[in-house]
Amino acid sequence: MSTLTKQTLSHLDWLEAEAIHIMREVAGQCERPVLLFSGGKDSICLLRIAEKAFRPGRFPFPLMHIDTGHNYKEVTDFRDKRAAELGERLIVRSVEDSMKRGSVVLKSADESRNKHQSVTLLEAIAEFEFDACIGGARRDEEKARAKERVMSFRDEFGQWDPKNQRPELWNLYNARAFKGENIRAFPISNWTEMDVWQYIEREKLELPSIYFAHTRPVVRKGALLQPVTELTPARPGDVVEEVMVRFRTVGDITCTAPVESNASTVEQIVVETATTTITERGATRLDDQTSEASMEQRKKEGYF
């Protein structure tokens, strides 16, 4: 990677080469890394990067998903299928297990479990003694993510301090951590949503079906669409509509909104992404609307 420049490579080639370099740095510097794989589009790109970084050998780390228990079945089924196709170990740890242990206590039965994933993640890190978690977060998703380094240091409590981060000069990355500390590594941190979709198009990557346009019952909640499901039923007074939608991002059913769309192919999604004026998270997240600082606070507590 050190001999390559952005001028000698296409944009996607350069992003891919840098991501491969970052992933190899994690594997080389860390004793027990793990790759976070949810079945979503960003982590699907990470799997392809891992293939290019380490095949024909096995990945030097397992895959792991922190499951809220409220994820879309299309996505978790895809997660299991893709891990099996690759022949890689998949670890699944659930917020429900943390609830049974008493380490997660919901304020109400219908509270979103999404923010509680940080507790289950920290428990899994301690269980397997992982010293690095490779994730698919991108800086363009949200303001707090834009503050974070590619190699994001977390202290012995799993906490992130945005005012105490390591310098990253050129493509020199420090993934060293003492026992009990942790690194969150983000190989596609500098990618945009458009980069992800163009990479998926170029690499012909398979995706869960809910990324493509389909008809779904929804209720309009301001500018967002809330899917009508067993977990998110229509309330008295709600107007249920059958709308052609797709998901720009996937996550916990209780906090992930679809967007109106007729895009049924990756090519159509690329065109649609090029013309949208609303950020991915702004158009789809029902849980980050309470405050501009909500994501940053969650990250300080150990969130991805």
C-alpha atoms as a PDB file:
ATOM      1  CA  MET A   1       0.000   0.000   0.000  1.00  0.00           C
ATOM      2  CA  SER A   2       2.870   2.388   0.780  1.00  0.00           C
ATOM      3  CA  THR A   3       3.932   2.472  -2.887  1.00  0.00           C
ATOM      4  CA  LEU A   4       0.442   3.284  -4.138  1.00  0.00           C
ATOM      5  CA  THR A   5      -1.004   6.753  -4.486  1.00  0.00           C
ATOM      6  CA  LYS A   6      -4.542   7.917  -5.037  1.00  0.00           C
ATOM      7  CA  GLN A   7      -3.492   9.290  -8.421  1.00  0.00           C
ATOM      8  CA  THR A   8      -2.447   5.851  -9.738  1.00  0.00           C
ATOM      9  CA  LEU A   9      -5.624   4.088  -8.665  1.00  0.00           C
ATOM     10  CA  SER A  10      -9.317   4.562  -9.290  1.00  0.00           C
ATOM     11  CA  HIS A  11     -11.273   5.944  -6.341  1.00  0.00           C
ATOM     12  CA  LEU A  12     -12.755   2.558  -5.375  1.00  0.00           C
ATOM     13  CA  ASP A  13      -9.444   0.768  -5.877  1.00  0.00           C
ATOM     14  CA  TRP A  14      -7.739   3.250  -3.547  1.00  0.00           C
ATOM     15  CA  LEU A  15     -10.434   2.900  -0.874  1.00  0.00           C
ATOM     16  CA  GLU A  16     -10.256  -0.887  -1.117  1.00  0.00           C
ATOM     17  CA  ALA A  17      -6.447  -0.942  -0.915  1.00  0.00           C
ATOM     18  CA  GLU A  18      -6.471   1.297   2.154  1.00  0.00           C
ATOM     19  CA  ALA A  19      -9.148  -0.856   3.826  1.00  0.00           C
ATOM     20  CA  ILE A  20      -7.105  -4.014   3.143  1.00  0.00           C
ATOM     21  CA  HIS A  21      -4.059  -2.296   4.638  1.00  0.00           C
ATOM     22  CA  ILE A  22      -6.010  -1.339   7.781  1.00  0.00           C
ATOM     23  CA  MET A  23      -7.421  -4.852   8.203  1.00  0.00           C
ATOM     24  CA  ARG A  24      -3.966  -6.399   7.864  1.00  0.00           C
ATOM     25  CA  GLU A  25      -2.601  -3.900  10.398  1.00  0.00           C
ATOM     26  CA  VAL A  26      -5.230  -5.036  12.907  1.00  0.00           C
ATOM     27  CA  ALA A  27      -4.409  -8.696  12.258  1.00  0.00           C
ATOM     28  CA  GLY A  28      -0.697  -7.989  12.593  1.00  0.00           C
ATOM     29  CA  GLN A  29      -0.778  -5.816  15.708  1.00  0.00           C
ATOM     30  CA  CYS A  30      -3.590  -7.424  17.722  1.00  0.00           C
ATOM     31  CA  GLU A  31      -3.703 -10.847  19.370  1.00  0.00           C
ATOM     32  CA  ARG A  32      -7.470 -11.493  19.391  1.00  0.00           C
ATOM     33  CA  PRO A  33      -9.358  -9.362  16.866  1.00  0.00           C
ATOM     34  CA  VAL A  34     -12.949  -9.984  15.784  1.00  0.00           C
ATOM     35  CA  LEU A  35     -14.926  -8.677  12.805  1.00  0.00           C
ATOM     36  CA  LEU A  36     -18.404  -7.363  13.591  1.00  0.00           C
ATOM     37  CA  PHE A  37     -20.815  -8.767  10.997  1.00  0.00           C
ATOM     38  CA  SER A  38     -24.520  -7.978  11.122  1.00  0.00           C
ATOM     39  CA  GLY A  39     -25.545  -8.914   7.579  1.00  0.00           C
ATOM     40  CA  GLY A  40     -25.859  -5.222   6.688  1.00  0.00           C
ATOM     41  CA  LYS A  41     -24.340  -3.638   3.587  1.00  0.00           C
ATOM     42  CA  ASP A  42     -21.305  -2.093   5.301  1.00  0.00           C
ATOM     43  CA  SER A  43     -20.271  -5.317   7.006  1.00  0.00           C
ATOM     44  CA  ILE A  44     -20.860  -7.189   3.743  1.00  0.00           C
ATOM     45  CA  CYS A  45     -18.219  -4.920   2.198  1.00  0.00           C
ATOM     46  CA  LEU A  46     -15.916  -5.707   5.141  1.00  0.00           C
ATOM     47  CA  LEU A  47     -16.241  -9.418   4.397  1.00  0.00           C
ATOM     48  CA  ARG A  48     -15.178  -8.879   0.799  1.00  0.00           C
ATOM     49  CA  ILE A  49     -12.211  -6.807   1.983  1.00  0.00           C
ATOM     50  CA  ALA A  50     -11.267  -9.594   4.420  1.00  0.00           C
ATOM     51  CA  GLU A  51     -11.435 -12.088   1.561  1.00  0.00           C
ATOM     52  CA  LYS A  52      -9.055  -9.978  -0.503  1.00  0.00           C
ATOM     53  CA  ALA A  53      -6.754  -9.421   2.480  1.00  0.00           C
ATOM     54  CA  PHE A  54      -6.438 -13.030   3.661  1.00  0.00           C
ATOM     55  CA  ARG A  55      -7.702 -15.574   1.131  1.00  0.00           C
ATOM     56  CA  PRO A  56      -6.948 -18.341   0.270  1.00  0.00           C
ATOM     57  CA  GLY A  57      -6.261 -18.743   4.000  1.00  0.00           C
ATOM     58  CA  ARG A  58      -8.865 -18.521   6.755  1.00  0.00           C
ATOM     59  CA  PHE A  59      -9.629 -15.148   8.306  1.00  0.00           C
ATOM     60  CA  PRO A  60      -7.332 -14.497  11.301  1.00  0.00           C
ATOM     61  CA  PHE A  61     -10.412 -13.634  13.360  1.00  0.00           C
ATOM     62  CA  PRO A  62     -13.972 -14.876  13.905  1.00  0.00           C
ATOM     63  CA  LEU A  63     -17.123 -12.968  12.944  1.00  0.00           C
ATOM     64  CA  MET A  64     -19.461 -11.662  15.637  1.00  0.00           C
ATOM     65  CA  HIS A  65     -22.921 -10.118  15.724  1.00  0.00           C
ATOM     66  CA  ILE A  66     -24.508  -8.415  18.723  1.00  0.00           C
ATOM     67  CA  ASP A  67     -28.165  -9.262  18.168  1.00  0.00           C
ATOM     68  CA  THR A  68     -30.918  -7.273  19.853  1.00  0.00           C
ATOM     69  CA  GLY A  69     -33.360 -10.127  19.270  1.00  0.00           C
ATOM     70  CA  HIS A  70     -35.440  -7.657  17.257  1.00  0.00           C
ATOM     71  CA  ASN A  71     -33.590  -7.782  13.948  1.00  0.00           C
ATOM     72  CA  TYR A  72     -35.258  -8.414  10.610  1.00  0.00           C
ATOM     73  CA  LYS A  73     -35.294 -12.145   9.841  1.00  0.00           C
ATOM     74  CA  GLU A  74     -34.224 -11.517   6.240  1.00  0.00           C
ATOM     75  CA  VAL A  75     -31.010  -9.995   7.585  1.00  0.00           C
ATOM     76  CA  THR A  76     -30.166 -12.578  10.268  1.00  0.00           C
ATOM     77  CA  ASP A  77     -30.886 -15.406   7.801  1.00  0.00           C
ATOM     78  CA  PHE A  78     -28.517 -13.749   5.319  1.00  0.00           C
ATOM     79  CA  ARG A  79     -25.917 -13.318   8.099  1.00  0.00           C
ATOM     80  CA  ASP A  80     -25.956 -17.038   8.882  1.00  0.00           C
ATOM     81  CA  LYS A  81     -25.908 -18.054   5.228  1.00  0.00           C
ATOM     82  CA  ARG A  82     -22.992 -15.804   4.333  1.00  0.00           C
ATOM     83  CA  ALA A  83     -20.875 -16.965   7.280  1.00  0.00           C
ATOM     84  CA  ALA A  84     -21.552 -20.592   6.328  1.00  0.00           C
ATOM     85  CA  GLU A  85     -20.616 -19.931   2.692  1.00  0.00           C
ATOM     86  CA  LEU A  86     -17.298 -18.469   3.796  1.00  0.00           C
ATOM     87  CA  GLY A  87     -16.681 -21.282   6.257  1.00  0.00           C
ATOM     88  CA  GLU A  88     -15.874 -18.780   8.994  1.00  0.00           C
ATOM     89  CA  ARG A  89     -16.837 -18.972  12.662  1.00  0.00           C
ATOM     90  CA  LEU A  90     -19.796 -16.774  13.591  1.00  0.00           C
ATOM     91  CA  ILE A  91     -20.347 -15.772  17.219  1.00  0.00           C
ATOM     92  CA  VAL A  92     -23.773 -14.383  18.098  1.00  0.00           C
ATOM     93  CA  ARG A  93     -24.389 -12.722  21.445  1.00  0.00           C
ATOM     94  CA  SER A  94     -27.824 -11.355  22.270  1.00  0.00           C
ATOM     95  CA  VAL A  95     -29.121  -8.431  24.286  1.00  0.00           C
ATOM     96  CA  GLU A  96     -31.772 -10.884  25.512  1.00  0.00           C
ATOM     97  CA  ASP A  97     -29.033 -12.896  27.258  1.00  0.00           C
ATOM     98  CA  SER A  98     -27.820  -9.700  28.946  1.00  0.00           C
ATOM     99  CA  MET A  99     -31.391  -9.061  30.068  1.00  0.00           C
ATOM    100  CA  LYS A 100     -31.555 -12.542  31.609  1.00  0.00           C
ATOM    101  CA  ARG A 101     -28.284 -11.864  33.459  1.00  0.00           C
ATOM    102  CA  GLY A 102     -29.654  -8.557  34.709  1.00  0.00           C
ATOM    103  CA  SER A 103     -26.900  -6.475  33.131  1.00  0.00           C
ATOM    104  CA  VAL A 104     -29.503  -4.886  30.831  1.00  0.00           C
ATOM    105  CA  VAL A 105     -32.723  -3.618  32.373  1.00  0.00           C
ATOM    106  CA  LEU A 106     -35.290  -2.010  30.093  1.00  0.00           C
ATOM    107  CA  LYS A 107     -37.250   0.992  31.328  1.00  0.00           C
ATOM    108  CA  SER A 108     -40.360  -0.457  29.690  1.00  0.00           C
ATOM    109  CA  ALA A 109     -41.208  -3.587  27.698  1.00  0.00           C
ATOM    110  CA  ASP A 110     -41.390  -1.616  24.443  1.00  0.00           C
ATOM    111  CA  GLU A 111     -38.122   0.301  24.923  1.00  0.00           C
ATOM    112  CA  SER A 112     -35.714  -0.066  22.002  1.00  0.00           C
ATOM    113  CA  ARG A 113     -32.906  -2.482  22.758  1.00  0.00           C
ATOM    114  CA  ASN A 114     -30.583  -0.853  20.250  1.00  0.00           C
ATOM    115  CA  LYS A 115     -28.661   1.353  22.682  1.00  0.00           C
ATOM    116  CA  HIS A 116     -28.196  -1.602  25.044  1.00  0.00           C
ATOM    117  CA  GLN A 117     -26.056  -3.427  22.478  1.00  0.00           C
ATOM    118  CA  SER A 118     -23.015  -1.702  23.991  1.00  0.00           C
ATOM    119  CA  VAL A 119     -23.471  -3.691  27.232  1.00  0.00           C
ATOM    120  CA  THR A 120     -23.663  -7.001  25.381  1.00  0.00           C
ATOM    121  CA  LEU A 121     -20.702  -6.043  23.204  1.00  0.00           C
ATOM    122  CA  LEU A 122     -18.534  -5.244  26.234  1.00  0.00           C
ATOM    123  CA  GLU A 123     -19.579  -8.533  27.833  1.00  0.00           C
ATOM    124  CA  ALA A 124     -18.625 -10.437  24.672  1.00  0.00           C
ATOM    125  CA  ILE A 125     -15.272  -8.628  24.479  1.00  0.00           C
ATOM    126  CA  ALA A 126     -14.549  -9.693  28.071  1.00  0.00           C
ATOM    127  CA  GLU A 127     -15.777 -13.257  27.459  1.00  0.00           C
ATOM    128  CA  PHE A 128     -13.469 -13.860  24.493  1.00  0.00           C
ATOM    129  CA  GLU A 129     -10.749 -11.370  25.528  1.00  0.00           C
ATOM    130  CA  PHE A 130     -10.932  -9.595  22.173  1.00  0.00           C
ATOM    131  CA  ASP A 131      -8.450  -6.737  21.920  1.00  0.00           C
ATOM    132  CA  ALA A 132      -9.835  -5.295  18.675  1.00  0.00           C
ATOM    133  CA  CYS A 133     -13.259  -5.128  17.040  1.00  0.00           C
ATOM    134  CA  ILE A 134     -13.333  -4.434  13.304  1.00  0.00           C
ATOM    135  CA  GLY A 135     -16.525  -2.571  12.384  1.00  0.00           C
ATOM    136  CA  GLY A 136     -18.168  -1.006   9.360  1.00  0.00           C
ATOM    137  CA  ALA A 137     -18.884   2.473  10.759  1.00  0.00           C
ATOM    138  CA  ARG A 138     -18.356   5.379   8.346  1.00  0.00           C
ATOM    139  CA  ARG A 139     -17.627   9.032   9.109  1.00  0.00           C
ATOM    140  CA  ASP A 140     -20.383  10.307   6.825  1.00  0.00           C
ATOM    141  CA  GLU A 141     -23.088   8.546   8.848  1.00  0.00           C
ATOM    142  CA  GLU A 142     -23.245  10.893  11.813  1.00  0.00           C
ATOM    143  CA  LYS A 143     -21.406  13.813  13.473  1.00  0.00           C
ATOM    144  CA  ALA A 144     -20.010  11.730  16.345  1.00  0.00           C
ATOM    145  CA  ARG A 145     -18.629   9.123  13.947  1.00  0.00           C
ATOM    146  CA  ALA A 146     -16.850  11.912  12.045  1.00  0.00           C
ATOM    147  CA  LYS A 147     -14.798  12.659  15.175  1.00  0.00           C
ATOM    148  CA  GLU A 148     -13.518   9.111  15.515  1.00  0.00           C
ATOM    149  CA  ARG A 149     -10.165   7.772  14.358  1.00  0.00           C
ATOM    150  CA  VAL A 150      -9.738   4.745  12.084  1.00  0.00           C
ATOM    151  CA  MET A 151      -8.153   3.001  15.080  1.00  0.00           C
ATOM    152  CA  SER A 152     -10.395   4.143  17.907  1.00  0.00           C
ATOM    153  CA  PHE A 153      -8.971   3.513  21.373  1.00  0.00           C
ATOM    154  CA  ARG A 154     -11.294   2.361  24.175  1.00  0.00           C
ATOM    155  CA  ASP A 155     -10.201   2.251  27.806  1.00  0.00           C
ATOM    156  CA  GLU A 156     -10.569  -0.638  30.275  1.00  0.00           C
ATOM    157  CA  PHE A 157     -14.226   0.317  30.762  1.00  0.00           C
ATOM    158  CA  GLY A 158     -14.925   0.234  27.008  1.00  0.00           C
ATOM    159  CA  GLN A 159     -15.327   3.995  26.910  1.00  0.00           C
ATOM    160  CA  TRP A 160     -14.363   6.358  24.097  1.00  0.00           C
ATOM    161  CA  ASP A 161     -13.011   9.827  24.843  1.00  0.00           C
ATOM    162  CA  PRO A 162     -13.240  12.074  21.753  1.00  0.00           C
ATOM    163  CA  LYS A 163     -10.740  14.495  23.348  1.00  0.00           C
ATOM    164  CA  ASN A 164      -8.117  11.785  23.923  1.00  0.00           C
ATOM    165  CA  GLN A 165      -7.414  10.106  20.595  1.00  0.00           C
ATOM    166  CA  ARG A 166      -4.228   8.921  18.994  1.00  0.00           C
ATOM    167  CA  PRO A 167      -2.806  10.849  16.029  1.00  0.00           C
ATOM    168  CA  GLU A 168      -3.057   9.144  12.641  1.00  0.00           C
ATOM    169  CA  LEU A 169      -0.531  10.441  10.131  1.00  0.00           C
ATOM    170  CA  TRP A 170      -0.860   9.322   6.512  1.00  0.00           C
ATOM    171  CA  ASN A 171      -1.558   5.571   6.650  1.00  0.00           C
ATOM    172  CA  LEU A 172       0.326   4.847   9.883  1.00  0.00           C
ATOM    173  CA  TYR A 173      -2.018   3.256  12.422  1.00  0.00           C
ATOM    174  CA  ASN A 174      -1.487   2.326  16.070  1.00  0.00           C
ATOM    175  CA  ALA A 175      -3.616  -0.620  17.150  1.00  0.00           C
ATOM    176  CA  ARG A 176      -1.644  -1.422  20.307  1.00  0.00           C
ATOM    177  CA  ALA A 177      -3.590  -1.768  23.544  1.00  0.00           C
ATOM    178  CA  PHE A 178      -2.823  -3.002  27.047  1.00  0.00           C
ATOM    179  CA  LYS A 179      -4.718  -5.959  28.500  1.00  0.00           C
ATOM    180  CA  GLY A 180      -8.299  -4.928  29.220  1.00  0.00           C
ATOM    181  CA  GLU A 181      -8.201  -2.074  26.718  1.00  0.00           C
ATOM    182  CA  ASN A 182      -9.692  -2.329  23.257  1.00  0.00           C
ATOM    183  CA  ILE A 183      -9.370  -0.976  19.747  1.00  0.00           C
ATOM    184  CA  ARG A 184     -12.329  -0.399  17.452  1.00  0.00           C
ATOM    185  CA  ALA A 185     -10.985  -0.465  13.907  1.00  0.00           C
ATOM    186  CA  PHE A 186     -12.975   1.032  11.020  1.00  0.00           C
ATOM    187  CA  PRO A 187     -11.431   0.091   7.630  1.00  0.00           C
ATOM    188  CA  ILE A 188     -14.185   1.844   5.654  1.00  0.00           C
ATOM    189  CA  SER A 189     -14.323   4.926   7.873  1.00  0.00           C
ATOM    190  CA  ASN A 190     -13.530   7.220   4.936  1.00  0.00           C
ATOM    191  CA  TRP A 191     -16.101   5.643   2.608  1.00  0.00           C
ATOM    192  CA  THR A 192     -19.414   7.320   1.846  1.00  0.00           C
ATOM    193  CA  GLU A 193     -22.790   5.686   1.323  1.00  0.00           C
ATOM    194  CA  MET A 194     -22.227   6.140  -2.422  1.00  0.00           C
ATOM    195  CA  ASP A 195     -18.829   4.415  -2.182  1.00  0.00           C
ATOM    196  CA  VAL A 196     -20.452   1.442  -0.456  1.00  0.00           C
ATOM    197  CA  TRP A 197     -23.132   1.052  -3.106  1.00  0.00           C
ATOM    198  CA  GLN A 198     -20.674   1.461  -5.973  1.00  0.00           C
ATOM    199  CA  TYR A 199     -18.406  -1.142  -4.371  1.00  0.00           C
ATOM    200  CA  ILE A 200     -21.349  -3.532  -3.985  1.00  0.00           C
ATOM    201  CA  GLU A 201     -22.187  -2.930  -7.645  1.00  0.00           C
ATOM    202  CA  ARG A 202     -18.599  -3.482  -8.802  1.00  0.00           C
ATOM    203  CA  GLU A 203     -18.041  -6.597  -6.690  1.00  0.00           C
ATOM    204  CA  LYS A 204     -21.534  -7.989  -7.418  1.00  0.00           C
ATOM    205  CA  LEU A 205     -22.135  -8.590  -3.718  1.00  0.00           C
ATOM    206  CA  GLU A 206     -25.301 -10.337  -2.588  1.00  0.00           C
ATOM    207  CA  LEU A 207     -27.569  -8.447  -0.159  1.00  0.00           C
ATOM    208  CA  PRO A 208     -30.587  -9.140   2.052  1.00  0.00           C
ATOM    209  CA  SER A 209     -33.780  -8.602   0.072  1.00  0.00           C
ATOM    210  CA  ILE A 210     -35.062  -5.706   2.217  1.00  0.00           C
ATOM    211  CA  TYR A 211     -32.428  -3.401   0.713  1.00  0.00           C
ATOM    212  CA  PHE A 212     -34.488  -3.446  -2.481  1.00  0.00           C
ATOM    213  CA  ALA A 213     -37.914  -1.904  -3.131  1.00  0.00           C
ATOM    214  CA  HIS A 214     -40.899  -3.861  -1.819  1.00  0.00           C
ATOM    215  CA  THR A 215     -44.365  -3.040  -0.544  1.00  0.00           C
ATOM    216  CA  ARG A 216     -44.655  -2.762   3.233  1.00  0.00           C
ATOM    217  CA  PRO A 217     -47.280  -1.393   5.659  1.00  0.00           C
ATOM    218  CA  VAL A 218     -46.002   1.774   7.325  1.00  0.00           C
ATOM    219  CA  VAL A 219     -47.144   4.667   9.481  1.00  0.00           C
ATOM    220  CA  ARG A 220     -45.786   8.163   8.867  1.00  0.00           C
ATOM    221  CA  LYS A 221     -44.038   9.601  11.921  1.00  0.00           C
ATOM    222  CA  GLY A 222     -43.133  13.118  10.858  1.00  0.00           C
ATOM    223  CA  ALA A 223     -40.624  12.780   8.041  1.00  0.00           C
ATOM    224  CA  LEU A 224     -39.932   9.110   8.849  1.00  0.00           C
ATOM    225  CA  LEU A 225     -41.758   5.900   8.012  1.00  0.00           C
ATOM    226  CA  GLN A 226     -42.305   3.400  10.824  1.00  0.00           C
ATOM    227  CA  PRO A 227     -42.855  -0.162   9.592  1.00  0.00           C
ATOM    228  CA  VAL A 228     -45.920  -1.882  11.017  1.00  0.00           C
ATOM    229  CA  THR A 229     -44.764  -5.125  12.649  1.00  0.00           C
ATOM    230  CA  GLU A 230     -45.570  -7.205  15.733  1.00  0.00           C
ATOM    231  CA  LEU A 231     -42.941  -5.189  17.577  1.00  0.00           C
ATOM    232  CA  THR A 232     -44.063  -1.829  16.175  1.00  0.00           C
ATOM    233  CA  PRO A 233     -47.848  -2.101  15.759  1.00  0.00           C
ATOM    234  CA  ALA A 234     -50.016   0.768  14.608  1.00  0.00           C
ATOM    235  CA  ARG A 235     -51.317   2.884  17.482  1.00  0.00           C
ATOM    236  CA  PRO A 236     -54.878   4.159  17.822  1.00  0.00           C
ATOM    237  CA  GLY A 237     -55.270   7.034  15.386  1.00  0.00           C
ATOM    238  CA  ASP A 238     -52.376   5.928  13.162  1.00  0.00           C
ATOM    239  CA  VAL A 239     -53.045   5.756   9.428  1.00  0.00           C
ATOM    240  CA  VAL A 240     -51.527   2.592   7.945  1.00  0.00           C
ATOM    241  CA  GLU A 241     -50.407   2.862   4.326  1.00  0.00           C
ATOM    242  CA  GLU A 242     -49.069   0.262   1.898  1.00  0.00           C
ATOM    243  CA  VAL A 243     -45.970   1.965   0.504  1.00  0.00           C
ATOM    244  CA  MET A 244     -43.186   0.917  -1.853  1.00  0.00           C
ATOM    245  CA  VAL A 245     -40.060   1.187   0.302  1.00  0.00           C
ATOM    246  CA  ARG A 246     -36.502  -0.044   0.728  1.00  0.00           C
ATOM    247  CA  PHE A 247     -34.053   0.102   3.632  1.00  0.00           C
ATOM    248  CA  ARG A 248     -30.963   2.280   3.311  1.00  0.00           C
ATOM    249  CA  THR A 249     -29.617   0.715   6.499  1.00  0.00           C
ATOM    250  CA  VAL A 250     -30.743  -2.269   8.568  1.00  0.00           C
ATOM    251  CA  GLY A 251     -30.845  -2.723  12.317  1.00  0.00           C
ATOM    252  CA  ASP A 252     -33.256  -3.188  15.202  1.00  0.00           C
ATOM    253  CA  ILE A 253     -36.848  -3.202  13.927  1.00  0.00           C
ATOM    254  CA  THR A 254     -37.941  -0.729  16.599  1.00  0.00           C
ATOM    255  CA  CYS A 255     -35.621   2.049  15.434  1.00  0.00           C
ATOM    256  CA  THR A 256     -34.876   1.493  11.734  1.00  0.00           C
ATOM    257  CA  ALA A 257     -37.112   3.237   9.222  1.00  0.00           C
ATOM    258  CA  PRO A 258     -37.378   2.449   5.510  1.00  0.00           C
ATOM    259  CA  VAL A 259     -37.530   5.118   2.814  1.00  0.00           C
ATOM    260  CA  GLU A 260     -39.927   5.458  -0.099  1.00  0.00           C
ATOM    261  CA  SER A 261     -38.278   4.019  -3.192  1.00  0.00           C
ATOM    262  CA  ASN A 262     -38.847   2.124  -6.419  1.00  0.00           C
ATOM    263  CA  ALA A 263     -35.203   1.037  -6.695  1.00  0.00           C
ATOM    264  CA  SER A 264     -35.159  -2.730  -7.223  1.00  0.00           C
ATOM    265  CA  THR A 265     -31.543  -3.133  -8.392  1.00  0.00           C
ATOM    266  CA  VAL A 266     -28.162  -2.000  -7.109  1.00  0.00           C
ATOM    267  CA  GLU A 267     -27.764   0.161 -10.220  1.00  0.00           C
ATOM    268  CA  GLN A 268     -31.015   1.971  -9.440  1.00  0.00           C
ATOM    269  CA  ILE A 269     -29.975   2.436  -5.806  1.00  0.00           C
ATOM    270  CA  VAL A 270     -26.692   4.028  -6.947  1.00  0.00           C
ATOM    271  CA  VAL A 271     -28.635   6.537  -9.042  1.00  0.00           C
ATOM    272  CA  GLU A 272     -31.053   7.225  -6.195  1.00  0.00           C
ATOM    273  CA  THR A 273     -28.187   7.695  -3.712  1.00  0.00           C
ATOM    274  CA  ALA A 274     -26.550  10.221  -6.025  1.00  0.00           C
ATOM    275  CA  THR A 275     -29.634  12.451  -5.946  1.00  0.00           C
ATOM    276  CA  THR A 276     -30.728  12.232  -2.300  1.00  0.00           C
ATOM    277  CA  THR A 277     -30.313  15.292  -0.076  1.00  0.00           C
ATOM    278  CA  ILE A 278     -31.002  13.527   3.252  1.00  0.00           C
ATOM    279  CA  THR A 279     -28.248  11.681   5.102  1.00  0.00           C
ATOM    280  CA  GLU A 280     -28.559   7.944   5.567  1.00  0.00           C
ATOM    281  CA  ARG A 281     -28.953   8.147   9.333  1.00  0.00           C
ATOM    282  CA  GLY A 282     -31.189  11.177   9.199  1.00  0.00           C
ATOM    283  CA  ALA A 283     -33.605   9.386   6.889  1.00  0.00           C
ATOM    284  CA  THR A 284     -33.708   6.072   8.704  1.00  0.00           C
ATOM    285  CA  ARG A 285     -33.024   6.237  12.445  1.00  0.00           C
ATOM    286  CA  LEU A 286     -35.928   6.513  14.840  1.00  0.00           C
ATOM    287  CA  ASP A 287     -33.693   6.394  17.943  1.00  0.00           C
ATOM    288  CA  ASP A 288     -31.219   9.236  17.327  1.00  0.00           C
ATOM    289  CA  GLN A 289     -33.746  12.044  16.999  1.00  0.00           C
ATOM    290  CA  THR A 290     -33.883  13.084  20.660  1.00  0.00           C
ATOM    291  CA  SER A 291     -30.634  15.045  20.589  1.00  0.00           C
ATOM    292  CA  GLU A 292     -27.725  15.774  18.284  1.00  0.00           C
ATOM    293  CA  ALA A 293     -25.449  14.402  21.013  1.00  0.00           C
ATOM    294  CA  SER A 294     -27.282  11.080  21.484  1.00  0.00           C
ATOM    295  CA  MET A 295     -24.908   9.021  19.311  1.00  0.00           C
ATOM    296  CA  GLU A 296     -21.805  10.584  20.873  1.00  0.00           C
ATOM    297  CA  GLN A 297     -23.061   9.766  24.369  1.00  0.00           C
ATOM    298  CA  ARG A 298     -23.758   6.173  23.362  1.00  0.00           C
ATOM    299  CA  LYS A 299     -20.288   5.828  21.845  1.00  0.00           C
ATOM    300  CA  LYS A 300     -18.715   7.114  25.074  1.00  0.00           C
ATOM    301  CA  GLU A 301     -20.569   4.283  26.833  1.00  0.00           C
ATOM    302  CA  GLY A 302     -19.120   1.625  24.534  1.00  0.00           C
ATOM    303  CA  TYR A 303     -21.401   1.629  21.476  1.00  0.00           C
ATOM    304  CA  PHE A 304     -19.998   0.739  18.041  1.00  0.00           C
END
